[in-house]
Protein backbone atom coordinates (compact mmCIF):
# COMPACT_ATOMS: atom_id res chain seq x y z
CA MET A 1 2.41 6.74 -16.08
CA ILE A 2 0.01 4.20 -14.27
CA PRO A 3 0.10 0.89 -16.00
CA PRO A 4 -3.01 -1.49 -15.27
CA PHE A 5 -2.80 -2.78 -12.08
CA PRO A 6 -4.87 -5.78 -10.98
CA PRO A 7 -8.09 -5.13 -10.28
CA ARG A 8 -8.97 -3.55 -6.47
CA TYR A 9 -10.16 -6.93 -4.51
CA ASP A 10 -13.84 -5.57 -2.91
CA GLY A 11 -14.92 -9.16 -1.32
CA PRO A 12 -14.34 -9.97 2.32
CA LEU A 13 -10.93 -11.09 3.52
CA LEU A 14 -10.82 -13.46 6.56
CA THR A 15 -8.03 -13.99 9.10
CA ARG A 16 -8.65 -17.82 11.73
CA GLU A 17 -9.54 -15.42 14.78
CA VAL A 18 -12.33 -13.91 12.49
CA ALA A 19 -13.93 -17.26 11.25
CA THR A 20 -13.64 -18.39 14.89
CA ALA A 21 -15.43 -16.10 16.40
CA MET A 22 -18.38 -16.23 13.99
CA ARG A 23 -18.65 -19.65 14.33
CA ALA A 24 -18.48 -19.71 17.83
CA ALA A 25 -21.08 -17.15 17.70
CA ALA A 26 -23.11 -19.03 15.43
CA THR A 27 -22.97 -22.47 17.57
CA ALA A 28 -23.90 -20.13 20.65
CA GLY A 29 -26.96 -19.52 18.19
CA ASP A 30 -26.92 -16.11 17.19
CA ALA A 31 -27.65 -15.00 14.10
CA VAL A 32 -25.41 -12.25 13.16
CA TRP A 33 -22.14 -11.49 13.83
CA SER A 34 -20.90 -7.70 13.64
CA GLY A 35 -16.79 -7.87 12.93
CA SER A 36 -14.64 -6.51 10.12
CA PHE A 37 -13.90 -8.55 6.78
CA ASP A 38 -11.59 -5.28 5.64
CA LEU A 39 -8.80 -6.23 8.79
CA GLY A 40 -9.92 -3.62 10.64
CA ARG A 41 -11.19 -0.68 8.60
CA ARG A 42 -14.84 -0.59 9.98
CA ARG A 43 -17.47 -3.02 11.18
CA GLU A 44 -20.00 -4.60 9.63
CA GLU A 45 -22.66 -7.72 10.15
CA VAL A 46 -22.75 -10.79 8.54
CA ALA A 47 -26.00 -12.87 8.73
CA LEU A 48 -25.17 -16.82 10.62
CA ASN A 49 -26.87 -19.82 9.04
CA ALA A 50 -25.55 -24.04 10.09
CA ASP A 51 -23.88 -24.05 6.93
CA HIS A 52 -23.10 -21.03 5.30
CA TRP A 53 -22.77 -16.64 6.10
CA ARG A 54 -23.98 -13.66 4.34
CA TRP A 55 -22.25 -10.87 3.97
CA ARG A 56 -23.60 -7.53 1.54
CA GLY A 57 -25.89 -9.89 0.14
CA ARG A 58 -23.95 -13.33 -0.87
CA ASP A 59 -24.18 -16.59 0.91
CA TYR A 60 -20.09 -17.57 1.84
CA PRO A 61 -19.95 -21.46 3.05
CA TRP A 62 -17.96 -21.44 6.24
CA PRO A 63 -14.64 -21.84 6.32
CA GLN A 64 -12.09 -24.50 6.62
CA ASP A 65 -8.77 -25.33 8.71
CA LEU A 66 -7.51 -21.95 8.01
CA LYS A 67 -3.85 -21.30 8.86
CA GLU A 68 -2.67 -18.64 11.79
CA ARG A 69 -1.01 -15.35 10.33
CA THR A 70 -2.89 -15.89 6.67
CA ILE A 71 -5.29 -13.78 5.08
CA TYR A 72 -7.60 -15.31 2.79
CA VAL A 73 -9.97 -13.86 -0.19
CA TRP A 74 -12.63 -15.82 -2.21
CA ASP A 75 -12.08 -16.90 -5.42
CA GLY A 76 -15.56 -17.23 -6.37
CA GLN A 77 -15.11 -21.16 -5.63
CA ALA A 78 -12.97 -21.09 -2.35
CA PHE A 79 -11.17 -18.96 0.32
CA GLN A 80 -7.07 -18.90 -0.38
CA PRO A 81 -4.55 -17.57 1.23
CA VAL A 82 -3.24 -14.51 0.12
CA GLN A 83 0.67 -15.62 -1.14
CA ARG A 84 2.60 -16.84 -4.33
CA TYR A 85 5.70 -18.24 -4.95
CA GLY A 86 7.16 -16.73 -7.30
CA GLY A 87 10.97 -17.68 -7.16
CA SER A 88 10.69 -15.74 -3.66
CA LEU A 89 7.31 -17.01 -1.39
CA ILE A 90 5.59 -13.48 -0.70
CA LYS A 91 2.62 -13.39 2.15
CA LEU A 92 0.40 -10.90 2.89
CA VAL A 93 0.24 -11.38 7.69
CA PRO A 94 -2.34 -9.93 9.74
CA THR A 95 -1.17 -7.94 12.84
CA GLU A 96 -3.15 -7.01 16.62
CA TRP A 97 -3.03 -3.14 14.48
CA GLY A 98 -5.52 -4.02 11.47
CA ALA A 99 -3.01 -2.84 9.00
CA PRO A 100 -0.89 -6.43 7.63
CA THR A 101 2.57 -6.48 7.24
CA PHE A 102 3.74 -8.96 4.50
CA GLU A 103 7.19 -11.82 4.01
CA ILE A 104 9.72 -12.52 1.79
CA ASP A 105 10.58 -16.09 1.94
CA GLY A 106 9.99 -15.55 5.91
CA ILE A 107 11.48 -12.50 6.77
CA LYS A 108 9.07 -9.66 7.62
CA MET A 109 9.58 -6.89 5.36
CA LEU A 110 7.54 -4.32 8.22
CA PRO A 111 7.47 -3.64 11.50
CA THR A 112 4.59 -4.43 13.71
CA ALA A 113 6.34 -5.39 17.17
CA GLN A 114 5.63 -2.39 19.38
CA VAL A 115 3.18 -0.45 16.43
CA SER A 116 1.46 -1.24 13.57
CA PRO A 117 3.32 -0.67 9.91
CA TYR A 118 0.69 2.13 8.92
CA ALA A 119 1.92 4.32 12.32
CA ASP A 120 5.08 3.78 12.00
CA ALA A 121 4.98 5.49 8.30
CA GLN A 122 2.89 7.86 9.33
CA ARG A 123 5.61 8.70 11.86
CA LYS A 124 8.19 8.89 9.69
CA VAL A 125 6.44 10.50 6.84
CA ALA A 126 5.77 13.11 9.29
CA LEU A 127 9.43 14.30 9.49
CA VAL A 128 9.18 14.90 5.35
CA ALA A 129 6.50 16.66 6.57
CA PRO A 130 4.69 16.05 2.80
CA ARG A 131 1.51 18.88 2.73
CA GLY A 132 1.20 21.05 -0.40
CA LYS A 133 4.72 19.26 -1.94
CA HIS A 134 5.92 16.73 -4.44
CA VAL A 135 7.23 13.42 -3.33
CA LEU A 136 8.70 10.47 -4.42
CA ASP A 137 8.23 7.61 -2.92
CA THR A 138 11.29 5.28 -4.15
CA CYS A 139 10.15 1.82 -3.29
CA GLY A 140 6.53 1.76 -2.69
CA GLY A 141 5.96 -1.22 -1.38
CA LEU A 142 2.58 -1.91 0.40
CA GLY A 143 1.96 2.05 -0.03
CA TYR A 144 2.36 3.05 3.55
CA PHE A 145 4.27 6.28 3.11
CA ALA A 146 2.02 6.83 0.14
CA ARG A 147 -1.50 6.45 2.10
CA ALA A 148 0.81 9.00 4.54
CA CYS A 149 0.84 11.24 2.48
CA LEU A 150 -2.41 11.50 0.63
CA GLU A 151 -3.72 11.56 4.12
CA ASP A 152 -1.60 14.86 5.28
CA GLY A 153 -2.09 17.11 2.22
CA VAL A 154 0.23 15.80 -0.54
CA ALA A 155 0.61 18.05 -4.27
CA ARG A 156 1.39 14.26 -6.17
CA VAL A 157 3.67 11.34 -4.89
CA ASP A 158 5.22 9.39 -7.22
CA SER A 159 5.70 6.15 -6.21
CA PHE A 160 7.92 3.79 -7.31
CA GLU A 161 7.53 -0.84 -6.66
CA LYS A 162 9.32 -3.34 -8.50
CA ASN A 163 8.26 -6.36 -7.65
CA ALA A 164 4.65 -7.18 -9.38
CA ASP A 165 3.57 -9.77 -6.65
CA VAL A 166 3.82 -6.98 -4.20
CA LEU A 167 1.64 -4.89 -6.18
CA TRP A 168 -0.90 -7.80 -6.67
CA LEU A 169 -0.66 -7.84 -2.74
CA ARG A 170 -1.05 -4.10 -2.78
CA SER A 171 -4.99 -5.35 -4.87
CA LEU A 172 -5.61 -7.16 -2.05
CA ASN A 173 -5.00 -5.14 0.78
CA PRO A 174 -7.46 -2.40 2.16
CA TRP A 175 -4.74 -0.49 3.87
CA SER A 176 -3.25 0.33 0.43
CA PRO A 177 -4.01 3.07 -1.59
CA ASP A 178 -5.55 2.92 -4.78
CA PRO A 179 -4.09 5.38 -7.79
CA GLN A 180 -7.38 5.00 -9.47
CA ALA A 181 -9.10 6.48 -6.56
CA ASP A 182 -6.71 9.90 -6.26
CA ASP A 183 -5.00 10.87 -9.38
CA ARG A 184 -2.13 12.76 -6.27
CA LEU A 185 -0.89 9.00 -6.50
CA ARG A 186 0.81 8.13 -9.36
CA LEU A 187 1.98 4.55 -9.50
CA ALA A 188 4.10 2.97 -11.60
CA HIS A 189 6.14 -0.95 -11.67
CA ALA A 190 9.60 -0.11 -12.01
CA ASP A 191 13.10 -0.63 -10.75
CA ILE A 192 13.70 2.56 -8.99
CA SER A 193 17.90 2.23 -8.78
CA GLU A 194 17.46 2.26 -12.78
CA HIS A 195 14.36 4.61 -12.82
CA ILE A 196 15.55 7.77 -11.43
CA ALA A 197 18.30 7.74 -13.81
CA THR A 198 14.79 9.22 -16.39
CA LEU A 199 13.14 12.06 -13.21
CA PRO A 200 14.24 15.48 -14.45
CA ASP A 201 16.26 17.91 -12.02
CA ALA A 202 15.29 19.47 -8.52
CA ALA A 203 11.50 17.74 -9.35
CA TYR A 204 10.96 16.55 -5.98
CA GLU A 205 10.73 18.41 -2.64
CA ALA A 206 10.71 15.36 -0.27
CA ALA A 207 11.39 12.76 -0.40
CA LEU A 208 10.65 8.62 1.15
CA HIS A 209 13.28 5.95 0.48
CA ASP A 210 12.59 2.30 2.36
CA PRO A 211 14.52 -0.63 0.41
CA PRO A 212 14.94 -3.87 0.98
CA ARG A 213 18.08 -4.86 3.24
CA PHE A 214 21.16 -3.88 2.04
CA GLY A 215 22.17 -7.11 1.27
CA ILE A 216 19.24 -8.16 -1.05
CA ALA A 217 19.58 -4.29 -3.03
CA GLY A 218 22.73 -3.27 -1.88
CA GLU A 219 22.45 -1.21 -5.36
CA LEU A 220 19.49 1.41 -3.37
CA TYR A 221 22.50 2.19 -0.83
CA SER A 222 25.36 3.09 -3.53
CA GLN A 223 26.69 6.62 -4.15
CA ALA A 224 25.46 6.29 -7.30
CA PHE A 225 22.46 6.48 -6.18
CA TYR A 226 22.78 9.01 -3.85
CA ASP A 227 24.10 11.38 -5.79
CA GLN A 228 20.61 10.64 -8.73
CA LEU A 229 18.91 11.49 -5.10
CA ALA A 230 20.62 14.56 -4.81
CA ARG A 231 19.72 15.19 -8.35
CA VAL A 232 16.23 14.87 -7.76
CA LEU A 233 15.97 16.91 -4.71
CA ARG A 234 15.19 20.52 -4.63
CA PRO A 235 17.76 22.66 -2.43
CA GLN A 236 16.56 22.24 1.35
CA ALA A 237 14.90 19.11 0.34
CA ARG A 238 13.27 16.49 3.06
CA LEU A 239 14.81 12.58 2.94
CA PHE A 240 13.92 9.61 5.41
CA HIS A 241 16.21 6.87 5.07
CA TYR A 242 15.34 3.53 6.12
CA THR A 243 17.76 1.54 7.20
CA GLY A 244 16.39 -0.92 9.69
CA THR A 245 18.83 -1.74 12.90
CA PRO A 246 21.31 -4.36 11.91
CA ASN A 247 22.84 -5.69 14.61
CA ARG A 248 26.62 -4.24 14.05
CA LYS A 249 28.49 -7.17 16.52
CA THR A 250 27.17 -9.75 14.50
CA SER A 251 26.66 -8.08 10.60
CA GLY A 252 30.19 -6.24 11.08
CA ARG A 253 29.04 -3.34 9.75
CA ASP A 254 27.20 0.05 11.41
CA VAL A 255 25.10 0.75 7.92
CA PRO A 256 23.72 3.94 9.33
CA MET A 257 26.83 4.71 9.40
CA GLU A 258 27.57 4.68 5.91
CA VAL A 259 24.55 5.99 4.84
CA SER A 260 24.81 9.04 6.06
CA ARG A 261 28.58 9.07 4.92
CA ARG A 262 27.36 8.70 1.80
CA LEU A 263 24.66 10.97 1.43
CA GLU A 264 26.49 13.90 3.22
CA LYS A 265 29.31 13.24 -0.06
CA ALA A 266 26.05 13.28 -2.05
CA GLY A 267 25.21 16.96 -0.70
CA PHE A 268 22.86 16.58 1.87
CA ALA A 269 23.02 17.02 6.30
CA THR A 270 22.11 13.90 8.16
CA GLU A 271 20.83 12.73 11.60
CA ARG A 272 19.98 9.28 12.79
CA VAL A 273 16.03 8.86 13.02
CA LEU A 274 14.34 6.39 14.65
CA ASP A 275 15.10 2.95 11.96
CA GLY A 276 17.16 5.19 9.36
CA VAL A 277 18.79 8.55 8.68
CA PHE A 278 17.19 11.57 7.87
CA ALA A 279 18.39 14.19 5.56
CA GLY A 280 17.99 18.21 4.17
CA LYS A 281 19.94 18.63 1.08
CA GLY A 282 21.85 21.83 1.45
CA GLY A 283 22.12 22.06 5.05
CA ALA A 284 20.18 20.72 7.82
CA ALA A 285 17.02 20.27 7.49
CA LYS A 286 14.92 21.36 11.01
CA ARG A 287 12.40 18.30 11.74
CA ARG A 288 8.98 18.33 12.41
CA ARG A 289 8.36 18.08 16.47
């Protein structure tokens, strides 16, 4: 199930803030600076020199003209922004919380205003109580749902991601889980709206559904898809469905209400929680407080 994804990047990750702090330390005459080169996961020391800095036994030139809201990786010759254009501009974006978000054509795909995108994933994963369960992660994104499941002791999480560029971002993001490092995570490059029909009946005890907004991926909000979710989930299985909080007054739609009605038609009991819908198959599933 695991295809040959891009190899994990193990070089330094830079932002303008990190580079500016290093340069300021060097200008002040410091020989060593301590900071993070993996977006806040850990702190390390680098040696500072007039024309370069040294990290893990390797010399790097001082980067020039780094932009805000951009993460840079070393390509062997220079620091390059973590972004690609393949019909849409996709970009890994730093946050004040450490764990990055990503954007597609300037649209932020994960919440960051009041909480870390990873902490946000953790509280949603807690709703489905993944410990010891087989979990379906329909739209893997940067893998924060999957990572939270692994940390909570999931038996297995099957994660699907349609966008190859998102999988590339994951290979550069130290906050994304590595499927090669933990065989409980099975990551597939596949469109779950099509692939779900191939999954066996009652295969999962919980599911996490974090689709793009309705206007982009309406098929992932359809009755047909929810009927398939009900088929692959066991009785009493828990589901968290991200819907976001679109403005009903401007859009003319109440997407969470529409989602709840379709899920109920598929056999779920539903409750609006956080920025989505929490559901239990075959009856109300009590939330873990």
